[in-house]
Amino acid sequence: MNGKVALVTGGSRGIGAATALRLARAGADVAITYVQDKAAAEAVVREIEAAGGRGLALRADSADAAEAAGAVERAAAELGRLDVLVNNAGAGLLGPLETLTAPDVDRVLAVNVRGTFLASQAAAARMERGGRIITIGTCMTKRVPGPGGTLYAMSKSALIGLTKALARELGDRGITANIVHPGPVDTDMNPADGPYAQGQSAMTALGRFAAPDEVAALVAYLAGADAAYITGAELSVDGGHAA
């Protein structure tokens, strides 16, 4: 990926940070967005630079329409181009249906759906042939194993339709769009030794959580030249959660 530029939203931790570093080690210059933890974002940038690439941390809240699109414009302007967008930023809110409020719905849809759409729209306007739009979904779009996931599963399911439509919209320009569905992943938000980890592990065929880099590996493959004929696809890294 030498000479390529990628933007990973929500790239200061977890899957986003692992993806940013994986792309950097493949030769790309990488911008990331963050909302609160500037120090963590700057630490990821230092690792990107240590891998030999240019790194850029941008504060941008995907729930804000202007900031969601603006991060794409800033990344392309400061790094000179944009070849890969990884829509990783997301809002997860689980809870009983009767407890979810209208503001809850607005926030989750603003981040997971509107923010992803606007970032993809802005990226498509910047990309040349060979561009890649990769969105992080969830195993809960394929199987909701219990109550409490209504809002989150709905919001992420919308991204499947967006991905397939983007593939059709941008295919004649040689730009691909795909969605990756992770299963349980060991992150600070959902640690593999957390209070709910045993039950989540039991829902997978492999009986364990993924490491963030196991998801990042697939994202990096989709971002590369070998994946040029894969578009409009849903790919799972879920340990058999949906089996």
C-alpha atoms as a PDB file:
ATOM      1  CA  MET A   1       0.000   0.000   0.000  1.00  0.00           C
ATOM      2  CA  ASN A   2       2.960   2.296  -0.527  1.00  0.00           C
ATOM      3  CA  GLY A   3       1.770   5.767  -1.558  1.00  0.00           C
ATOM      4  CA  LYS A   4      -1.806   5.120  -0.400  1.00  0.00           C
ATOM      5  CA  VAL A   5      -3.658   7.213   2.173  1.00  0.00           C
ATOM      6  CA  ALA A   6      -6.247   5.779   4.558  1.00  0.00           C
ATOM      7  CA  LEU A   7      -8.647   7.283   7.069  1.00  0.00           C
ATOM      8  CA  VAL A   8      -9.833   5.133   9.969  1.00  0.00           C
ATOM      9  CA  THR A   9     -12.653   6.679  11.983  1.00  0.00           C
ATOM     10  CA  GLY A  10     -12.588   5.900  15.678  1.00  0.00           C
ATOM     11  CA  GLY A  11      -8.967   4.870  15.307  1.00  0.00           C
ATOM     12  CA  SER A  12      -7.598   5.650  18.755  1.00  0.00           C
ATOM     13  CA  ARG A  13      -8.341   2.244  20.290  1.00  0.00           C
ATOM     14  CA  GLY A  14      -9.585  -1.289  19.739  1.00  0.00           C
ATOM     15  CA  ILE A  15     -10.316  -2.471  16.215  1.00  0.00           C
ATOM     16  CA  GLY A  16      -9.739   1.008  14.822  1.00  0.00           C
ATOM     17  CA  ALA A  17      -6.243   1.351  16.274  1.00  0.00           C
ATOM     18  CA  ALA A  18      -5.299  -2.178  15.192  1.00  0.00           C
ATOM     19  CA  THR A  19      -6.534  -1.427  11.672  1.00  0.00           C
ATOM     20  CA  ALA A  20      -4.663   1.870  11.457  1.00  0.00           C
ATOM     21  CA  LEU A  21      -1.415   0.172  12.466  1.00  0.00           C
ATOM     22  CA  ARG A  22      -1.969  -2.752  10.120  1.00  0.00           C
ATOM     23  CA  LEU A  23      -2.454  -0.368   7.187  1.00  0.00           C
ATOM     24  CA  ALA A  24       0.606   1.649   8.199  1.00  0.00           C
ATOM     25  CA  ARG A  25       2.752  -1.478   8.338  1.00  0.00           C
ATOM     26  CA  ALA A  26       1.540  -2.285   4.810  1.00  0.00           C
ATOM     27  CA  GLY A  27       2.934   1.070   3.676  1.00  0.00           C
ATOM     28  CA  ALA A  28      -0.012   3.458   3.880  1.00  0.00           C
ATOM     29  CA  ASP A  29      -0.144   6.911   5.423  1.00  0.00           C
ATOM     30  CA  VAL A  30      -2.997   6.847   7.936  1.00  0.00           C
ATOM     31  CA  ALA A  31      -5.271   9.448   9.500  1.00  0.00           C
ATOM     32  CA  ILE A  32      -7.479   8.534  12.437  1.00  0.00           C
ATOM     33  CA  THR A  33     -10.344  10.279  14.179  1.00  0.00           C
ATOM     34  CA  TYR A  34     -11.074  10.399  17.875  1.00  0.00           C
ATOM     35  CA  VAL A  35     -13.611  12.144  20.094  1.00  0.00           C
ATOM     36  CA  GLN A  36     -12.243  12.311  23.634  1.00  0.00           C
ATOM     37  CA  ASP A  37      -8.895  10.608  24.190  1.00  0.00           C
ATOM     38  CA  LYS A  38      -6.363  12.814  22.432  1.00  0.00           C
ATOM     39  CA  ALA A  39      -3.438  11.140  24.189  1.00  0.00           C
ATOM     40  CA  ALA A  40      -4.467   7.689  22.944  1.00  0.00           C
ATOM     41  CA  ALA A  41      -4.886   9.024  19.392  1.00  0.00           C
ATOM     42  CA  GLU A  42      -1.460  10.650  19.485  1.00  0.00           C
ATOM     43  CA  ALA A  43       0.044   7.382  20.721  1.00  0.00           C
ATOM     44  CA  VAL A  44      -1.423   5.583  17.688  1.00  0.00           C
ATOM     45  CA  VAL A  45       0.014   8.279  15.415  1.00  0.00           C
ATOM     46  CA  ARG A  46       3.456   7.710  16.918  1.00  0.00           C
ATOM     47  CA  GLU A  47       3.150   4.005  16.140  1.00  0.00           C
ATOM     48  CA  ILE A  48       2.067   4.794  12.581  1.00  0.00           C
ATOM     49  CA  GLU A  49       5.135   6.988  12.177  1.00  0.00           C
ATOM     50  CA  ALA A  50       7.372   4.338  13.726  1.00  0.00           C
ATOM     51  CA  ALA A  51       6.108   1.967  11.019  1.00  0.00           C
ATOM     52  CA  GLY A  52       7.379   4.422   8.418  1.00  0.00           C
ATOM     53  CA  GLY A  53       4.213   6.248   7.429  1.00  0.00           C
ATOM     54  CA  ARG A  54       2.731   9.634   8.007  1.00  0.00           C
ATOM     55  CA  GLY A  55       0.118   9.744  10.744  1.00  0.00           C
ATOM     56  CA  LEU A  56      -2.581  12.267  11.532  1.00  0.00           C
ATOM     57  CA  ALA A  57      -5.023  12.473  14.457  1.00  0.00           C
ATOM     58  CA  LEU A  58      -8.224  14.446  13.857  1.00  0.00           C
ATOM     59  CA  ARG A  59     -10.801  15.219  16.490  1.00  0.00           C
ATOM     60  CA  ALA A  60     -14.183  14.531  14.908  1.00  0.00           C
ATOM     61  CA  ASP A  61     -17.482  13.326  16.340  1.00  0.00           C
ATOM     62  CA  SER A  62     -19.277  11.152  13.799  1.00  0.00           C
ATOM     63  CA  ALA A  63     -22.583  12.186  15.376  1.00  0.00           C
ATOM     64  CA  ASP A  64     -21.973  15.711  14.069  1.00  0.00           C
ATOM     65  CA  ALA A  65     -22.828  15.880  10.367  1.00  0.00           C
ATOM     66  CA  ALA A  66     -20.261  18.569   9.580  1.00  0.00           C
ATOM     67  CA  GLU A  67     -17.498  16.815  11.499  1.00  0.00           C
ATOM     68  CA  ALA A  68     -18.229  13.404   9.947  1.00  0.00           C
ATOM     69  CA  ALA A  69     -17.727  14.727   6.423  1.00  0.00           C
ATOM     70  CA  GLY A  70     -15.150  17.298   7.467  1.00  0.00           C
ATOM     71  CA  ALA A  71     -12.752  14.660   8.786  1.00  0.00           C
ATOM     72  CA  VAL A  72     -12.575  13.152   5.300  1.00  0.00           C
ATOM     73  CA  GLU A  73     -11.844  16.524   3.740  1.00  0.00           C
ATOM     74  CA  ARG A  74      -9.158  17.327   6.325  1.00  0.00           C
ATOM     75  CA  ALA A  75      -7.447  13.957   5.953  1.00  0.00           C
ATOM     76  CA  ALA A  76      -7.354  14.237   2.167  1.00  0.00           C
ATOM     77  CA  ALA A  77      -6.142  17.840   2.288  1.00  0.00           C
ATOM     78  CA  GLU A  78      -3.382  17.248   4.835  1.00  0.00           C
ATOM     79  CA  LEU A  79      -2.146  13.920   3.470  1.00  0.00           C
ATOM     80  CA  GLY A  80      -2.648  14.810  -0.197  1.00  0.00           C
ATOM     81  CA  ARG A  81      -5.216  12.224  -1.285  1.00  0.00           C
ATOM     82  CA  LEU A  82      -7.578   9.525   0.005  1.00  0.00           C
ATOM     83  CA  ASP A  83      -7.607   5.913  -1.129  1.00  0.00           C
ATOM     84  CA  VAL A  84      -9.178   4.000   1.771  1.00  0.00           C
ATOM     85  CA  LEU A  85     -11.948   4.849   4.210  1.00  0.00           C
ATOM     86  CA  VAL A  86     -12.563   2.539   7.152  1.00  0.00           C
ATOM     87  CA  ASN A  87     -15.860   3.406   8.843  1.00  0.00           C
ATOM     88  CA  ASN A  88     -15.062   2.104  12.303  1.00  0.00           C
ATOM     89  CA  ALA A  89     -16.496   4.763  14.635  1.00  0.00           C
ATOM     90  CA  GLY A  90     -19.664   3.514  16.270  1.00  0.00           C
ATOM     91  CA  ALA A  91     -22.029   3.922  19.172  1.00  0.00           C
ATOM     92  CA  GLY A  92     -23.118   0.828  21.050  1.00  0.00           C
ATOM     93  CA  LEU A  93     -26.163   1.057  23.282  1.00  0.00           C
ATOM     94  CA  LEU A  94     -27.754  -2.112  24.612  1.00  0.00           C
ATOM     95  CA  GLY A  95     -30.799  -2.262  26.838  1.00  0.00           C
ATOM     96  CA  PRO A  96     -34.404  -3.382  27.105  1.00  0.00           C
ATOM     97  CA  LEU A  97     -36.641  -2.042  24.375  1.00  0.00           C
ATOM     98  CA  GLU A  98     -38.901  -0.197  26.809  1.00  0.00           C
ATOM     99  CA  THR A  99     -35.982   1.759  28.314  1.00  0.00           C
ATOM    100  CA  LEU A 100     -34.639   3.224  25.065  1.00  0.00           C
ATOM    101  CA  THR A 101     -35.443   6.892  24.579  1.00  0.00           C
ATOM    102  CA  ALA A 102     -35.797   9.051  21.485  1.00  0.00           C
ATOM    103  CA  PRO A 103     -32.438  10.758  22.258  1.00  0.00           C
ATOM    104  CA  ASP A 104     -30.859   7.289  22.494  1.00  0.00           C
ATOM    105  CA  VAL A 105     -32.195   6.440  19.056  1.00  0.00           C
ATOM    106  CA  ASP A 106     -31.051   9.758  17.612  1.00  0.00           C
ATOM    107  CA  ARG A 107     -27.503   9.398  18.971  1.00  0.00           C
ATOM    108  CA  VAL A 108     -26.967   5.814  17.811  1.00  0.00           C
ATOM    109  CA  LEU A 109     -28.383   6.453  14.344  1.00  0.00           C
ATOM    110  CA  ALA A 110     -26.420   9.702  14.030  1.00  0.00           C
ATOM    111  CA  VAL A 111     -23.115   7.938  14.664  1.00  0.00           C
ATOM    112  CA  ASN A 112     -23.678   4.523  13.142  1.00  0.00           C
ATOM    113  CA  VAL A 113     -25.780   5.411  10.112  1.00  0.00           C
ATOM    114  CA  ARG A 114     -25.708   9.111   9.251  1.00  0.00           C
ATOM    115  CA  GLY A 115     -22.040   9.569  10.130  1.00  0.00           C
ATOM    116  CA  THR A 116     -21.051   6.537   8.084  1.00  0.00           C
ATOM    117  CA  PHE A 117     -23.131   7.688   5.123  1.00  0.00           C
ATOM    118  CA  LEU A 118     -21.704  11.208   5.157  1.00  0.00           C
ATOM    119  CA  ALA A 119     -18.115  10.030   5.524  1.00  0.00           C
ATOM    120  CA  SER A 120     -18.600   7.567   2.665  1.00  0.00           C
ATOM    121  CA  GLN A 121     -20.187  10.243   0.504  1.00  0.00           C
ATOM    122  CA  ALA A 122     -17.299  12.631   1.119  1.00  0.00           C
ATOM    123  CA  ALA A 123     -14.716   9.899   0.548  1.00  0.00           C
ATOM    124  CA  ALA A 124     -16.287   8.785  -2.733  1.00  0.00           C
ATOM    125  CA  ALA A 125     -15.986  12.331  -4.028  1.00  0.00           C
ATOM    126  CA  ARG A 126     -12.241  12.245  -3.312  1.00  0.00           C
ATOM    127  CA  MET A 127     -11.325   8.722  -4.390  1.00  0.00           C
ATOM    128  CA  GLU A 128      -9.833   7.679  -7.688  1.00  0.00           C
ATOM    129  CA  ARG A 129     -10.079   4.246  -9.303  1.00  0.00           C
ATOM    130  CA  GLY A 130      -8.993   1.591  -6.840  1.00  0.00           C
ATOM    131  CA  GLY A 131     -10.548   3.309  -3.832  1.00  0.00           C
ATOM    132  CA  ARG A 132     -11.869   1.273  -0.941  1.00  0.00           C
ATOM    133  CA  ILE A 133     -14.735   1.903   1.494  1.00  0.00           C
ATOM    134  CA  ILE A 134     -14.789  -0.633   4.325  1.00  0.00           C
ATOM    135  CA  THR A 135     -17.356  -0.486   7.104  1.00  0.00           C
ATOM    136  CA  ILE A 136     -17.270  -2.264  10.443  1.00  0.00           C
ATOM    137  CA  GLY A 137     -20.609  -3.917  11.194  1.00  0.00           C
ATOM    138  CA  THR A 138     -21.372  -6.509  13.870  1.00  0.00           C
ATOM    139  CA  CYS A 139     -22.172 -10.185  14.282  1.00  0.00           C
ATOM    140  CA  MET A 140     -25.536  -9.015  15.649  1.00  0.00           C
ATOM    141  CA  THR A 141     -26.706  -8.278  12.119  1.00  0.00           C
ATOM    142  CA  LYS A 142     -26.522 -12.019  11.434  1.00  0.00           C
ATOM    143  CA  ARG A 143     -27.731 -13.378  14.767  1.00  0.00           C
ATOM    144  CA  VAL A 144     -29.108 -11.562  17.805  1.00  0.00           C
ATOM    145  CA  PRO A 145     -28.568 -14.086  20.592  1.00  0.00           C
ATOM    146  CA  GLY A 146     -30.710 -12.428  23.244  1.00  0.00           C
ATOM    147  CA  PRO A 147     -32.773  -9.382  24.239  1.00  0.00           C
ATOM    148  CA  GLY A 148     -31.396  -5.875  24.551  1.00  0.00           C
ATOM    149  CA  GLY A 149     -29.875  -5.435  21.108  1.00  0.00           C
ATOM    150  CA  THR A 150     -32.766  -3.866  19.206  1.00  0.00           C
ATOM    151  CA  LEU A 151     -31.339  -0.403  18.601  1.00  0.00           C
ATOM    152  CA  TYR A 152     -27.746  -1.477  17.995  1.00  0.00           C
ATOM    153  CA  ALA A 153     -28.672  -4.319  15.626  1.00  0.00           C
ATOM    154  CA  MET A 154     -31.034  -2.051  13.697  1.00  0.00           C
ATOM    155  CA  SER A 155     -28.414   0.648  13.225  1.00  0.00           C
ATOM    156  CA  LYS A 156     -25.700  -1.740  12.077  1.00  0.00           C
ATOM    157  CA  SER A 157     -28.098  -3.599   9.777  1.00  0.00           C
ATOM    158  CA  ALA A 158     -28.668  -0.353   7.890  1.00  0.00           C
ATOM    159  CA  LEU A 159     -24.994  -0.419   6.961  1.00  0.00           C
ATOM    160  CA  ILE A 160     -25.472  -3.635   5.003  1.00  0.00           C
ATOM    161  CA  GLY A 161     -27.870  -1.857   2.654  1.00  0.00           C
ATOM    162  CA  LEU A 162     -25.549   1.133   2.453  1.00  0.00           C
ATOM    163  CA  THR A 163     -22.610  -1.097   1.544  1.00  0.00           C
ATOM    164  CA  LYS A 164     -24.454  -2.942  -1.205  1.00  0.00           C
ATOM    165  CA  ALA A 165     -25.774   0.317  -2.641  1.00  0.00           C
ATOM    166  CA  LEU A 166     -22.317   1.909  -2.560  1.00  0.00           C
ATOM    167  CA  ALA A 167     -20.925  -1.092  -4.426  1.00  0.00           C
ATOM    168  CA  ARG A 168     -23.448  -0.540  -7.220  1.00  0.00           C
ATOM    169  CA  GLU A 169     -23.051   3.238  -7.156  1.00  0.00           C
ATOM    170  CA  LEU A 170     -19.263   3.244  -7.333  1.00  0.00           C
ATOM    171  CA  GLY A 171     -18.454   0.026  -9.187  1.00  0.00           C
ATOM    172  CA  ASP A 172     -18.034   1.649 -12.582  1.00  0.00           C
ATOM    173  CA  ARG A 173     -15.384   3.891 -11.024  1.00  0.00           C
ATOM    174  CA  GLY A 174     -13.408   0.915  -9.739  1.00  0.00           C
ATOM    175  CA  ILE A 175     -14.188   1.735  -6.092  1.00  0.00           C
ATOM    176  CA  THR A 176     -15.216  -1.156  -3.874  1.00  0.00           C
ATOM    177  CA  ALA A 177     -17.411  -1.168  -0.765  1.00  0.00           C
ATOM    178  CA  ASN A 178     -17.547  -4.016   1.756  1.00  0.00           C
ATOM    179  CA  ILE A 179     -18.665  -4.602   5.339  1.00  0.00           C
ATOM    180  CA  VAL A 180     -16.892  -6.670   8.000  1.00  0.00           C
ATOM    181  CA  HIS A 181     -18.886  -8.204  10.859  1.00  0.00           C
ATOM    182  CA  PRO A 182     -16.767  -8.860  13.960  1.00  0.00           C
ATOM    183  CA  GLY A 183     -17.875 -11.169  16.724  1.00  0.00           C
ATOM    184  CA  PRO A 184     -16.777 -10.623  20.335  1.00  0.00           C
ATOM    185  CA  VAL A 185     -13.452  -8.778  20.270  1.00  0.00           C
ATOM    186  CA  ASP A 186     -11.119  -8.192  23.205  1.00  0.00           C
ATOM    187  CA  THR A 187     -11.098  -4.398  23.607  1.00  0.00           C
ATOM    188  CA  ASP A 188     -11.235  -1.995  26.518  1.00  0.00           C
ATOM    189  CA  MET A 189     -14.967  -1.574  25.888  1.00  0.00           C
ATOM    190  CA  ASN A 190     -15.622  -5.335  25.905  1.00  0.00           C
ATOM    191  CA  PRO A 191     -12.669  -7.124  27.532  1.00  0.00           C
ATOM    192  CA  ALA A 192     -12.235 -10.862  27.203  1.00  0.00           C
ATOM    193  CA  ASP A 193     -12.094 -11.091  30.999  1.00  0.00           C
ATOM    194  CA  GLY A 194     -15.123  -8.848  31.577  1.00  0.00           C
ATOM    195  CA  PRO A 195     -18.315  -9.776  33.435  1.00  0.00           C
ATOM    196  CA  TYR A 196     -20.160 -10.846  30.275  1.00  0.00           C
ATOM    197  CA  ALA A 197     -17.238 -12.447  28.456  1.00  0.00           C
ATOM    198  CA  GLN A 198     -17.918 -16.070  29.352  1.00  0.00           C
ATOM    199  CA  GLY A 199     -21.405 -15.956  27.861  1.00  0.00           C
ATOM    200  CA  GLN A 200     -20.204 -14.197  24.713  1.00  0.00           C
ATOM    201  CA  SER A 201     -17.403 -16.712  24.200  1.00  0.00           C
ATOM    202  CA  ALA A 202     -19.877 -19.564  24.579  1.00  0.00           C
ATOM    203  CA  MET A 203     -21.955 -18.143  21.726  1.00  0.00           C
ATOM    204  CA  THR A 204     -19.075 -18.680  19.284  1.00  0.00           C
ATOM    205  CA  ALA A 205     -18.025 -21.978  17.740  1.00  0.00           C
ATOM    206  CA  LEU A 206     -14.395 -21.332  18.711  1.00  0.00           C
ATOM    207  CA  GLY A 207     -15.241 -20.491  22.301  1.00  0.00           C
ATOM    208  CA  ARG A 208     -13.149 -17.344  22.550  1.00  0.00           C
ATOM    209  CA  PHE A 209     -12.878 -13.640  21.785  1.00  0.00           C
ATOM    210  CA  ALA A 210     -10.960 -12.342  18.780  1.00  0.00           C
ATOM    211  CA  ALA A 211      -7.911 -10.137  19.120  1.00  0.00           C
ATOM    212  CA  PRO A 212      -8.390  -6.746  17.401  1.00  0.00           C
ATOM    213  CA  ASP A 213      -5.662  -7.597  14.897  1.00  0.00           C
ATOM    214  CA  GLU A 214      -7.644 -10.620  13.680  1.00  0.00           C
ATOM    215  CA  VAL A 215     -10.330  -8.230  12.465  1.00  0.00           C
ATOM    216  CA  ALA A 216      -7.772  -5.699  11.220  1.00  0.00           C
ATOM    217  CA  ALA A 217      -6.154  -8.384   9.071  1.00  0.00           C
ATOM    218  CA  LEU A 218      -9.326  -8.813   7.021  1.00  0.00           C
ATOM    219  CA  VAL A 219      -9.839  -5.057   6.737  1.00  0.00           C
ATOM    220  CA  ALA A 220      -6.269  -4.644   5.492  1.00  0.00           C
ATOM    221  CA  TYR A 221      -6.807  -7.392   2.918  1.00  0.00           C
ATOM    222  CA  LEU A 222      -9.944  -5.677   1.615  1.00  0.00           C
ATOM    223  CA  ALA A 223      -7.990  -2.412   1.397  1.00  0.00           C
ATOM    224  CA  GLY A 224      -5.291  -3.988  -0.763  1.00  0.00           C
ATOM    225  CA  ALA A 225      -4.888  -4.763  -4.444  1.00  0.00           C
ATOM    226  CA  ASP A 226      -5.697  -8.480  -4.068  1.00  0.00           C
ATOM    227  CA  ALA A 227      -9.300  -7.639  -3.086  1.00  0.00           C
ATOM    228  CA  ALA A 228     -10.081  -5.613  -6.208  1.00  0.00           C
ATOM    229  CA  TYR A 229     -12.865  -8.009  -7.275  1.00  0.00           C
ATOM    230  CA  ILE A 230     -14.614  -8.125  -3.893  1.00  0.00           C
ATOM    231  CA  THR A 231     -17.402  -5.592  -3.509  1.00  0.00           C
ATOM    232  CA  GLY A 232     -20.843  -5.408  -1.941  1.00  0.00           C
ATOM    233  CA  ALA A 233     -19.806  -8.280   0.325  1.00  0.00           C
ATOM    234  CA  GLU A 234     -20.492  -9.087   3.961  1.00  0.00           C
ATOM    235  CA  LEU A 235     -17.568 -10.872   5.587  1.00  0.00           C
ATOM    236  CA  SER A 236     -17.624 -12.200   9.141  1.00  0.00           C
ATOM    237  CA  VAL A 237     -14.764 -12.513  11.625  1.00  0.00           C
ATOM    238  CA  ASP A 238     -16.985 -13.886  14.361  1.00  0.00           C
ATOM    239  CA  GLY A 239     -15.507 -17.197  15.501  1.00  0.00           C
ATOM    240  CA  GLY A 240     -18.616 -18.970  14.290  1.00  0.00           C
ATOM    241  CA  HIS A 241     -21.081 -16.751  16.164  1.00  0.00           C
ATOM    242  CA  ALA A 242     -23.570 -17.065  13.301  1.00  0.00           C
ATOM    243  CA  ALA A 243     -22.953 -20.779  12.662  1.00  0.00           C
END
